[in-house]
Amino acid sequence: MLAAAVCLAPSLASATEDATPRQDRRTDFTAYTRPRGRAAVGPFKLELGIIDEVMIGTYVPPWLAFTLIGAPAPNLYFKARSWWSGPFTLAVRGGFLYLDGSGIADLANVDSSSNATSLTSEVDASLRLSARMALSLGAEYSHIEAVGGGESVATSIEGASMADAVNVRLFGQWQLTHVFGVTLLARYVAFQSPYGADIDSASPAVSIKGDLSAESSGARQRFAVVPGVSFDWPNWELYVGVGYGSFQLPAIGLPTSRAFPIIDLAVAYRFDLYD
């Protein structure tokens, strides 16, 4: 009897572990958030769970843009998920990024001013099929608007441009062991507007106003598929994926019209700031 209990103990422990939902699930492409007080710090983003259902975060690379364009690009996103327990989770997320182009003008030694604002919003639904497997469906809307102006001795030019896009995606994660898992991201560009521009040019003799729009003349790439692997340690998480299709910058959201190789890389160190 004692020998049988010893033999069954590992199986019972494994079953108990499988029946317990993981607290730390990927927050990209899913409806999940960081637990209350938990911070995740990495080279690509910083996140903090304010409470179990609310999380804030920021992307790190845009803050370092001043090394290239002379000004940082402040950005922030906010995510709130459903409060109920169970296998089904809903979440909404919104974010913004602001780019001040004055640094670019200073580097180019020209008299001009410009700025760009990117707004993103998304809705996600995640279904936990088991303690080791989850499937998520999401839709994201992105809007970017740029405003600029420049002056020379005899001419002034002002303008504004904007673009919108809607993406839908499916993300699955299957945890094969306590540490290692496989992932699959499939994304489709449901809508992308032509790039529109309003231009106002004036000189002492001539004044011109116009509306311009442009759209890719070739076939637009709408799909992207990125298979990957995940590693989840007690304090570290690592996601690596390699795929092909329409590329999309997370902080901006607008997809490319052509297909490119895609590398999905996310790494972070997790720790608790408060309980």
C-alpha atoms as a PDB file:
ATOM      1  CA  MET A   1       0.000   0.000   0.000  1.00  0.00           C
ATOM      2  CA  LEU A   2       2.766   2.445   0.921  1.00  0.00           C
ATOM      3  CA  ALA A   3       4.723   1.526  -2.209  1.00  0.00           C
ATOM      4  CA  ALA A   4       1.643   2.153  -4.367  1.00  0.00           C
ATOM      5  CA  ALA A   5       1.110   5.551  -2.766  1.00  0.00           C
ATOM      6  CA  VAL A   6       4.736   6.485  -3.441  1.00  0.00           C
ATOM      7  CA  CYS A   7       4.354   5.457  -7.080  1.00  0.00           C
ATOM      8  CA  LEU A   8       1.125   7.411  -7.526  1.00  0.00           C
ATOM      9  CA  ALA A   9       2.376  10.586  -5.839  1.00  0.00           C
ATOM     10  CA  PRO A  10       4.123  12.063  -8.938  1.00  0.00           C
ATOM     11  CA  SER A  11       1.042  11.412 -11.103  1.00  0.00           C
ATOM     12  CA  LEU A  12      -1.269  13.024  -8.552  1.00  0.00           C
ATOM     13  CA  ALA A  13       1.028  16.035  -8.259  1.00  0.00           C
ATOM     14  CA  SER A  14       1.109  16.402 -12.033  1.00  0.00           C
ATOM     15  CA  ALA A  15      -2.675  16.153 -12.229  1.00  0.00           C
ATOM     16  CA  THR A  16      -3.063  18.791  -9.516  1.00  0.00           C
ATOM     17  CA  GLU A  17      -0.651  21.067 -11.357  1.00  0.00           C
ATOM     18  CA  ASP A  18      -2.554  20.609 -14.628  1.00  0.00           C
ATOM     19  CA  ALA A  19      -5.851  21.430 -12.898  1.00  0.00           C
ATOM     20  CA  THR A  20      -4.490  24.725 -11.571  1.00  0.00           C
ATOM     21  CA  PRO A  21      -4.688  27.597 -14.113  1.00  0.00           C
ATOM     22  CA  ARG A  22      -1.395  29.408 -14.686  1.00  0.00           C
ATOM     23  CA  GLN A  23      -1.247  32.979 -13.423  1.00  0.00           C
ATOM     24  CA  ASP A  24       1.367  34.141 -15.897  1.00  0.00           C
ATOM     25  CA  ARG A  25       0.008  33.821 -19.406  1.00  0.00           C
ATOM     26  CA  ARG A  26       1.096  35.832 -22.400  1.00  0.00           C
ATOM     27  CA  THR A  27      -0.501  39.265 -22.436  1.00  0.00           C
ATOM     28  CA  ASP A  28       0.144  39.924 -26.143  1.00  0.00           C
ATOM     29  CA  PHE A  29      -2.623  38.720 -28.479  1.00  0.00           C
ATOM     30  CA  THR A  30      -4.754  37.454 -25.551  1.00  0.00           C
ATOM     31  CA  ALA A  31      -7.292  38.708 -23.016  1.00  0.00           C
ATOM     32  CA  TYR A  32      -4.985  38.013 -20.059  1.00  0.00           C
ATOM     33  CA  THR A  33      -3.376  40.575 -17.751  1.00  0.00           C
ATOM     34  CA  ARG A  34      -0.612  40.525 -15.152  1.00  0.00           C
ATOM     35  CA  PRO A  35      -1.689  39.587 -11.613  1.00  0.00           C
ATOM     36  CA  ARG A  36      -2.049  42.353  -9.029  1.00  0.00           C
ATOM     37  CA  GLY A  37       1.301  43.931  -8.174  1.00  0.00           C
ATOM     38  CA  ARG A  38       3.298  41.894 -10.680  1.00  0.00           C
ATOM     39  CA  ALA A  39       5.741  43.714 -12.931  1.00  0.00           C
ATOM     40  CA  ALA A  40       7.345  42.408 -16.111  1.00  0.00           C
ATOM     41  CA  VAL A  41      10.497  44.154 -17.301  1.00  0.00           C
ATOM     42  CA  GLY A  42      12.113  43.452 -20.655  1.00  0.00           C
ATOM     43  CA  PRO A  43      13.984  45.165 -23.498  1.00  0.00           C
ATOM     44  CA  PHE A  44      10.798  45.540 -25.558  1.00  0.00           C
ATOM     45  CA  LYS A  45       8.088  46.445 -23.034  1.00  0.00           C
ATOM     46  CA  LEU A  46       7.316  47.132 -19.370  1.00  0.00           C
ATOM     47  CA  GLU A  47       4.054  45.979 -17.748  1.00  0.00           C
ATOM     48  CA  LEU A  48       2.460  46.239 -14.314  1.00  0.00           C
ATOM     49  CA  GLY A  49      -0.695  44.654 -12.978  1.00  0.00           C
ATOM     50  CA  ILE A  50      -2.487  47.411 -11.056  1.00  0.00           C
ATOM     51  CA  ILE A  51      -5.085  44.907  -9.881  1.00  0.00           C
ATOM     52  CA  ASP A  52      -5.801  41.437 -11.225  1.00  0.00           C
ATOM     53  CA  GLU A  53      -8.147  42.852 -13.881  1.00  0.00           C
ATOM     54  CA  VAL A  54      -6.266  46.008 -14.885  1.00  0.00           C
ATOM     55  CA  MET A  55      -2.794  46.354 -16.390  1.00  0.00           C
ATOM     56  CA  ILE A  56      -0.722  49.203 -17.825  1.00  0.00           C
ATOM     57  CA  GLY A  57       2.344  49.000 -20.024  1.00  0.00           C
ATOM     58  CA  THR A  58       4.680  50.801 -22.374  1.00  0.00           C
ATOM     59  CA  TYR A  59       6.950  49.818 -25.263  1.00  0.00           C
ATOM     60  CA  VAL A  60      10.626  50.505 -24.576  1.00  0.00           C
ATOM     61  CA  PRO A  61      12.155  51.028 -28.084  1.00  0.00           C
ATOM     62  CA  PRO A  62      10.085  54.162 -28.911  1.00  0.00           C
ATOM     63  CA  TRP A  63      11.403  55.834 -25.739  1.00  0.00           C
ATOM     64  CA  LEU A  64      14.915  55.327 -27.127  1.00  0.00           C
ATOM     65  CA  ALA A  65      14.046  56.977 -30.436  1.00  0.00           C
ATOM     66  CA  PHE A  66      15.855  60.148 -29.322  1.00  0.00           C
ATOM     67  CA  THR A  67      19.138  58.417 -30.202  1.00  0.00           C
ATOM     68  CA  LEU A  68      18.068  58.456 -33.865  1.00  0.00           C
ATOM     69  CA  ILE A  69      15.595  61.318 -34.301  1.00  0.00           C
ATOM     70  CA  GLY A  70      16.485  63.585 -31.390  1.00  0.00           C
ATOM     71  CA  ALA A  71      13.244  63.074 -29.434  1.00  0.00           C
ATOM     72  CA  PRO A  72      11.624  60.170 -27.567  1.00  0.00           C
ATOM     73  CA  ALA A  73       8.253  58.751 -28.588  1.00  0.00           C
ATOM     74  CA  PRO A  74       6.118  58.549 -25.417  1.00  0.00           C
ATOM     75  CA  ASN A  75       3.668  55.668 -25.474  1.00  0.00           C
ATOM     76  CA  LEU A  76       1.339  53.924 -23.047  1.00  0.00           C
ATOM     77  CA  TYR A  77      -1.311  51.215 -23.177  1.00  0.00           C
ATOM     78  CA  PHE A  78      -4.062  50.219 -20.771  1.00  0.00           C
ATOM     79  CA  LYS A  79      -5.796  46.859 -20.573  1.00  0.00           C
ATOM     80  CA  ALA A  80      -8.819  45.726 -18.553  1.00  0.00           C
ATOM     81  CA  ARG A  81     -10.209  42.209 -18.499  1.00  0.00           C
ATOM     82  CA  SER A  82     -13.393  40.585 -17.210  1.00  0.00           C
ATOM     83  CA  TRP A  83     -13.726  40.098 -13.452  1.00  0.00           C
ATOM     84  CA  TRP A  84     -15.393  36.683 -13.435  1.00  0.00           C
ATOM     85  CA  SER A  85     -13.505  33.436 -12.969  1.00  0.00           C
ATOM     86  CA  GLY A  86     -13.695  30.512 -15.335  1.00  0.00           C
ATOM     87  CA  PRO A  87     -12.209  29.440 -18.645  1.00  0.00           C
ATOM     88  CA  PHE A  88     -13.578  32.356 -20.704  1.00  0.00           C
ATOM     89  CA  THR A  89     -12.000  35.830 -20.465  1.00  0.00           C
ATOM     90  CA  LEU A  90     -12.811  39.103 -22.252  1.00  0.00           C
ATOM     91  CA  ALA A  91     -10.572  42.179 -22.396  1.00  0.00           C
ATOM     92  CA  VAL A  92     -10.360  45.635 -23.952  1.00  0.00           C
ATOM     93  CA  ARG A  93      -7.166  47.543 -24.538  1.00  0.00           C
ATOM     94  CA  GLY A  94      -6.258  51.037 -25.696  1.00  0.00           C
ATOM     95  CA  GLY A  95      -2.952  52.724 -26.369  1.00  0.00           C
ATOM     96  CA  PHE A  96      -1.277  55.760 -27.865  1.00  0.00           C
ATOM     97  CA  LEU A  97       2.105  56.834 -29.185  1.00  0.00           C
ATOM     98  CA  TYR A  98       3.217  60.421 -29.793  1.00  0.00           C
ATOM     99  CA  LEU A  99       6.175  61.436 -31.947  1.00  0.00           C
ATOM    100  CA  ASP A 100       7.487  64.994 -31.970  1.00  0.00           C
ATOM    101  CA  GLY A 101       9.270  65.626 -35.259  1.00  0.00           C
ATOM    102  CA  SER A 102      11.114  68.740 -34.087  1.00  0.00           C
ATOM    103  CA  GLY A 103      14.152  66.619 -33.328  1.00  0.00           C
ATOM    104  CA  ILE A 104      14.265  65.441 -36.942  1.00  0.00           C
ATOM    105  CA  ALA A 105      14.088  69.047 -38.138  1.00  0.00           C
ATOM    106  CA  ASP A 106      16.951  70.019 -35.845  1.00  0.00           C
ATOM    107  CA  LEU A 107      19.062  67.155 -37.171  1.00  0.00           C
ATOM    108  CA  ALA A 108      18.300  68.220 -40.749  1.00  0.00           C
ATOM    109  CA  ASN A 109      18.890  71.883 -39.897  1.00  0.00           C
ATOM    110  CA  VAL A 110      15.581  73.030 -41.367  1.00  0.00           C
ATOM    111  CA  ASP A 111      12.825  75.279 -40.027  1.00  0.00           C
ATOM    112  CA  SER A 112       9.828  72.986 -39.702  1.00  0.00           C
ATOM    113  CA  SER A 113       7.536  71.420 -37.151  1.00  0.00           C
ATOM    114  CA  SER A 114       5.683  68.142 -37.267  1.00  0.00           C
ATOM    115  CA  ASN A 115       4.205  65.478 -35.030  1.00  0.00           C
ATOM    116  CA  ALA A 116       2.495  62.135 -35.368  1.00  0.00           C
ATOM    117  CA  THR A 117      -0.002  60.382 -33.107  1.00  0.00           C
ATOM    118  CA  SER A 118      -0.913  56.712 -33.211  1.00  0.00           C
ATOM    119  CA  LEU A 119      -4.035  55.413 -31.464  1.00  0.00           C
ATOM    120  CA  THR A 120      -4.832  51.718 -31.078  1.00  0.00           C
ATOM    121  CA  SER A 121      -7.744  49.866 -29.536  1.00  0.00           C
ATOM    122  CA  GLU A 122      -8.547  46.173 -29.392  1.00  0.00           C
ATOM    123  CA  VAL A 123     -10.971  43.598 -28.077  1.00  0.00           C
ATOM    124  CA  ASP A 124      -9.794  40.109 -27.121  1.00  0.00           C
ATOM    125  CA  ALA A 125     -11.517  36.901 -26.059  1.00  0.00           C
ATOM    126  CA  SER A 126      -9.563  33.984 -24.604  1.00  0.00           C
ATOM    127  CA  LEU A 127     -10.800  30.478 -23.873  1.00  0.00           C
ATOM    128  CA  ARG A 128      -8.801  28.238 -21.571  1.00  0.00           C
ATOM    129  CA  LEU A 129      -9.352  24.774 -23.018  1.00  0.00           C
ATOM    130  CA  SER A 130      -7.262  23.244 -20.227  1.00  0.00           C
ATOM    131  CA  ALA A 131      -4.600  24.330 -17.749  1.00  0.00           C
ATOM    132  CA  ARG A 132      -2.037  23.892 -20.524  1.00  0.00           C
ATOM    133  CA  MET A 133      -3.931  25.086 -23.599  1.00  0.00           C
ATOM    134  CA  ALA A 134      -5.586  28.408 -24.456  1.00  0.00           C
ATOM    135  CA  LEU A 135      -7.062  29.908 -27.617  1.00  0.00           C
ATOM    136  CA  SER A 136      -7.566  33.648 -28.195  1.00  0.00           C
ATOM    137  CA  LEU A 137      -9.436  35.657 -30.813  1.00  0.00           C
ATOM    138  CA  GLY A 138      -8.916  39.404 -31.162  1.00  0.00           C
ATOM    139  CA  ALA A 139      -9.678  42.452 -33.298  1.00  0.00           C
ATOM    140  CA  GLU A 140      -7.573  45.629 -33.362  1.00  0.00           C
ATOM    141  CA  TYR A 141      -8.235  49.087 -34.783  1.00  0.00           C
ATOM    142  CA  SER A 142      -5.310  51.417 -35.523  1.00  0.00           C
ATOM    143  CA  HIS A 143      -5.331  55.092 -36.468  1.00  0.00           C
ATOM    144  CA  ILE A 144      -2.302  57.242 -37.196  1.00  0.00           C
ATOM    145  CA  GLU A 145      -2.340  60.935 -37.941  1.00  0.00           C
ATOM    146  CA  ALA A 146       0.597  63.196 -38.815  1.00  0.00           C
ATOM    147  CA  VAL A 147       0.602  66.980 -38.925  1.00  0.00           C
ATOM    148  CA  GLY A 148       3.499  69.049 -40.232  1.00  0.00           C
ATOM    149  CA  GLY A 149       4.526  72.465 -41.433  1.00  0.00           C
ATOM    150  CA  GLY A 150       7.611  74.165 -42.788  1.00  0.00           C
ATOM    151  CA  GLU A 151       8.732  77.600 -43.812  1.00  0.00           C
ATOM    152  CA  SER A 152      11.358  79.051 -46.114  1.00  0.00           C
ATOM    153  CA  VAL A 153      12.030  82.645 -47.097  1.00  0.00           C
ATOM    154  CA  ALA A 154       9.109  82.836 -49.534  1.00  0.00           C
ATOM    155  CA  THR A 155       7.023  79.726 -48.989  1.00  0.00           C
ATOM    156  CA  SER A 156       5.123  78.019 -46.213  1.00  0.00           C
ATOM    157  CA  ILE A 157       3.739  74.486 -46.376  1.00  0.00           C
ATOM    158  CA  GLU A 158       1.362  72.831 -43.968  1.00  0.00           C
ATOM    159  CA  GLY A 159      -0.301  69.454 -44.160  1.00  0.00           C
ATOM    160  CA  ALA A 160      -1.896  66.540 -42.403  1.00  0.00           C
ATOM    161  CA  SER A 161      -2.093  62.871 -43.274  1.00  0.00           C
ATOM    162  CA  MET A 162      -3.862  59.891 -41.736  1.00  0.00           C
ATOM    163  CA  ALA A 163      -4.478  56.177 -42.158  1.00  0.00           C
ATOM    164  CA  ASP A 164      -6.634  53.505 -40.512  1.00  0.00           C
ATOM    165  CA  ALA A 165      -6.510  49.727 -40.308  1.00  0.00           C
ATOM    166  CA  VAL A 166      -8.466  46.856 -38.768  1.00  0.00           C
ATOM    167  CA  ASN A 167      -6.785  43.527 -38.013  1.00  0.00           C
ATOM    168  CA  VAL A 168      -8.250  40.274 -36.733  1.00  0.00           C
ATOM    169  CA  ARG A 169      -6.102  37.516 -35.283  1.00  0.00           C
ATOM    170  CA  LEU A 170      -6.094  34.060 -33.766  1.00  0.00           C
ATOM    171  CA  PHE A 171      -3.503  33.038 -31.190  1.00  0.00           C
ATOM    172  CA  GLY A 172      -3.039  29.622 -29.628  1.00  0.00           C
ATOM    173  CA  GLN A 173      -0.668  28.431 -26.937  1.00  0.00           C
ATOM    174  CA  TRP A 174      -0.122  24.830 -25.857  1.00  0.00           C
ATOM    175  CA  GLN A 175       2.109  24.273 -22.830  1.00  0.00           C
ATOM    176  CA  LEU A 176       3.723  20.875 -23.425  1.00  0.00           C
ATOM    177  CA  THR A 177       5.634  20.883 -20.134  1.00  0.00           C
ATOM    178  CA  HIS A 178       5.752  23.177 -17.128  1.00  0.00           C
ATOM    179  CA  VAL A 179       8.413  25.250 -18.946  1.00  0.00           C
ATOM    180  CA  PHE A 180       8.130  24.621 -22.684  1.00  0.00           C
ATOM    181  CA  GLY A 181       5.222  25.317 -25.028  1.00  0.00           C
ATOM    182  CA  VAL A 182       4.346  25.957 -28.660  1.00  0.00           C
ATOM    183  CA  THR A 183       2.404  28.925 -30.058  1.00  0.00           C
ATOM    184  CA  LEU A 184       0.730  29.904 -33.314  1.00  0.00           C
ATOM    185  CA  LEU A 185      -0.288  33.412 -34.401  1.00  0.00           C
ATOM    186  CA  ALA A 186      -2.466  33.952 -37.485  1.00  0.00           C
ATOM    187  CA  ARG A 187      -3.369  37.523 -38.463  1.00  0.00           C
ATOM    188  CA  TYR A 188      -5.550  38.969 -41.221  1.00  0.00           C
ATOM    189  CA  VAL A 189      -5.834  42.611 -42.355  1.00  0.00           C
ATOM    190  CA  ALA A 190      -9.597  43.044 -42.630  1.00  0.00           C
ATOM    191  CA  PHE A 191      -9.417  46.705 -43.671  1.00  0.00           C
ATOM    192  CA  GLN A 192      -6.761  49.293 -44.469  1.00  0.00           C
ATOM    193  CA  SER A 193      -7.628  52.741 -45.729  1.00  0.00           C
ATOM    194  CA  PRO A 194      -5.646  54.590 -48.390  1.00  0.00           C
ATOM    195  CA  TYR A 195      -3.168  57.069 -46.999  1.00  0.00           C
ATOM    196  CA  GLY A 196      -4.863  60.467 -47.166  1.00  0.00           C
ATOM    197  CA  ALA A 197      -3.256  63.903 -47.034  1.00  0.00           C
ATOM    198  CA  ASP A 198      -4.460  67.518 -46.879  1.00  0.00           C
ATOM    199  CA  ILE A 199      -1.914  70.034 -48.166  1.00  0.00           C
ATOM    200  CA  ASP A 200      -1.882  73.818 -47.876  1.00  0.00           C
ATOM    201  CA  SER A 201       0.969  75.653 -49.601  1.00  0.00           C
ATOM    202  CA  ALA A 202       1.318  79.406 -49.759  1.00  0.00           C
ATOM    203  CA  SER A 203       3.746  81.983 -51.086  1.00  0.00           C
ATOM    204  CA  PRO A 204       3.380  85.739 -51.711  1.00  0.00           C
ATOM    205  CA  ALA A 205       2.091  85.025 -55.233  1.00  0.00           C
ATOM    206  CA  VAL A 206       0.423  81.600 -55.093  1.00  0.00           C
ATOM    207  CA  SER A 207      -1.797  79.734 -52.678  1.00  0.00           C
ATOM    208  CA  ILE A 208      -2.555  76.028 -53.190  1.00  0.00           C
ATOM    209  CA  LYS A 209      -4.859  73.700 -51.275  1.00  0.00           C
ATOM    210  CA  GLY A 210      -5.368  70.059 -52.073  1.00  0.00           C
ATOM    211  CA  ASP A 211      -6.491  66.641 -50.917  1.00  0.00           C
ATOM    212  CA  LEU A 212      -4.316  63.701 -51.816  1.00  0.00           C
ATOM    213  CA  SER A 213      -4.680  59.987 -51.214  1.00  0.00           C
ATOM    214  CA  ALA A 214      -2.537  57.034 -52.158  1.00  0.00           C
ATOM    215  CA  GLU A 215      -2.991  53.295 -52.143  1.00  0.00           C
ATOM    216  CA  SER A 216      -0.661  50.470 -53.007  1.00  0.00           C
ATOM    217  CA  SER A 217      -0.956  49.620 -56.704  1.00  0.00           C
ATOM    218  CA  GLY A 218      -0.043  45.967 -56.270  1.00  0.00           C
ATOM    219  CA  ALA A 219      -1.879  43.158 -54.538  1.00  0.00           C
ATOM    220  CA  ARG A 220      -2.013  43.810 -50.813  1.00  0.00           C
ATOM    221  CA  GLN A 221      -0.676  41.166 -48.461  1.00  0.00           C
ATOM    222  CA  ARG A 222      -3.345  40.535 -45.856  1.00  0.00           C
ATOM    223  CA  PHE A 223      -2.238  37.378 -44.040  1.00  0.00           C
ATOM    224  CA  ALA A 224       0.537  36.623 -41.587  1.00  0.00           C
ATOM    225  CA  VAL A 225       1.308  33.295 -39.906  1.00  0.00           C
ATOM    226  CA  VAL A 226       3.893  33.029 -37.136  1.00  0.00           C
ATOM    227  CA  PRO A 227       4.525  29.695 -35.376  1.00  0.00           C
ATOM    228  CA  GLY A 228       6.707  29.838 -32.296  1.00  0.00           C
ATOM    229  CA  VAL A 229       7.828  28.388 -28.998  1.00  0.00           C
ATOM    230  CA  SER A 230       7.501  29.639 -25.421  1.00  0.00           C
ATOM    231  CA  PHE A 231       9.605  29.188 -22.293  1.00  0.00           C
ATOM    232  CA  ASP A 232       8.124  29.986 -18.899  1.00  0.00           C
ATOM    233  CA  TRP A 233      10.350  29.860 -15.811  1.00  0.00           C
ATOM    234  CA  PRO A 234       9.427  31.018 -12.282  1.00  0.00           C
ATOM    235  CA  ASN A 235      10.607  34.582 -12.997  1.00  0.00           C
ATOM    236  CA  TRP A 236      11.475  34.645 -16.691  1.00  0.00           C
ATOM    237  CA  GLU A 237       9.386  34.330 -19.831  1.00  0.00           C
ATOM    238  CA  LEU A 238      10.600  34.002 -23.410  1.00  0.00           C
ATOM    239  CA  TYR A 239       8.565  33.814 -26.621  1.00  0.00           C
ATOM    240  CA  VAL A 240      10.218  33.288 -30.003  1.00  0.00           C
ATOM    241  CA  GLY A 241       8.365  32.990 -33.293  1.00  0.00           C
ATOM    242  CA  VAL A 242       9.382  33.088 -36.958  1.00  0.00           C
ATOM    243  CA  GLY A 243       6.858  33.500 -39.739  1.00  0.00           C
ATOM    244  CA  TYR A 244       5.951  35.337 -42.920  1.00  0.00           C
ATOM    245  CA  GLY A 245       3.344  37.839 -44.028  1.00  0.00           C
ATOM    246  CA  SER A 246       2.171  41.387 -43.406  1.00  0.00           C
ATOM    247  CA  PHE A 247       4.370  42.932 -40.718  1.00  0.00           C
ATOM    248  CA  GLN A 248       2.923  45.120 -37.968  1.00  0.00           C
ATOM    249  CA  LEU A 249       4.704  47.271 -35.388  1.00  0.00           C
ATOM    250  CA  PRO A 250       3.026  46.726 -31.979  1.00  0.00           C
ATOM    251  CA  ALA A 251       3.174  50.375 -30.883  1.00  0.00           C
ATOM    252  CA  ILE A 252       1.730  51.706 -34.174  1.00  0.00           C
ATOM    253  CA  GLY A 253      -0.522  48.937 -35.429  1.00  0.00           C
ATOM    254  CA  LEU A 254      -0.533  49.727 -39.165  1.00  0.00           C
ATOM    255  CA  PRO A 255       0.390  46.663 -41.257  1.00  0.00           C
ATOM    256  CA  THR A 256       2.661  46.658 -44.285  1.00  0.00           C
ATOM    257  CA  SER A 257       1.135  46.109 -47.718  1.00  0.00           C
ATOM    258  CA  ARG A 258       3.838  43.613 -48.670  1.00  0.00           C
ATOM    259  CA  ALA A 259       4.925  40.351 -47.105  1.00  0.00           C
ATOM    260  CA  PHE A 260       8.105  40.162 -45.063  1.00  0.00           C
ATOM    261  CA  PRO A 261       9.768  37.601 -42.802  1.00  0.00           C
ATOM    262  CA  ILE A 262       8.445  38.171 -39.283  1.00  0.00           C
ATOM    263  CA  ILE A 263      10.278  37.607 -36.010  1.00  0.00           C
ATOM    264  CA  ASP A 264       8.130  37.618 -32.880  1.00  0.00           C
ATOM    265  CA  LEU A 265      10.352  38.046 -29.828  1.00  0.00           C
ATOM    266  CA  ALA A 266       9.240  38.776 -26.269  1.00  0.00           C
ATOM    267  CA  VAL A 267      11.357  38.366 -23.159  1.00  0.00           C
ATOM    268  CA  ALA A 268      10.717  39.682 -19.650  1.00  0.00           C
ATOM    269  CA  TYR A 269      11.696  39.240 -16.028  1.00  0.00           C
ATOM    270  CA  ARG A 270       8.733  39.028 -13.626  1.00  0.00           C
ATOM    271  CA  PHE A 271       8.647  40.097 -10.000  1.00  0.00           C
ATOM    272  CA  ASP A 272       6.097  41.316  -7.455  1.00  0.00           C
ATOM    273  CA  LEU A 273       6.110  44.984  -6.453  1.00  0.00           C
ATOM    274  CA  TYR A 274       3.252  44.528  -3.984  1.00  0.00           C
ATOM    275  CA  ASP A 275       0.667  41.936  -2.978  1.00  0.00           C
END
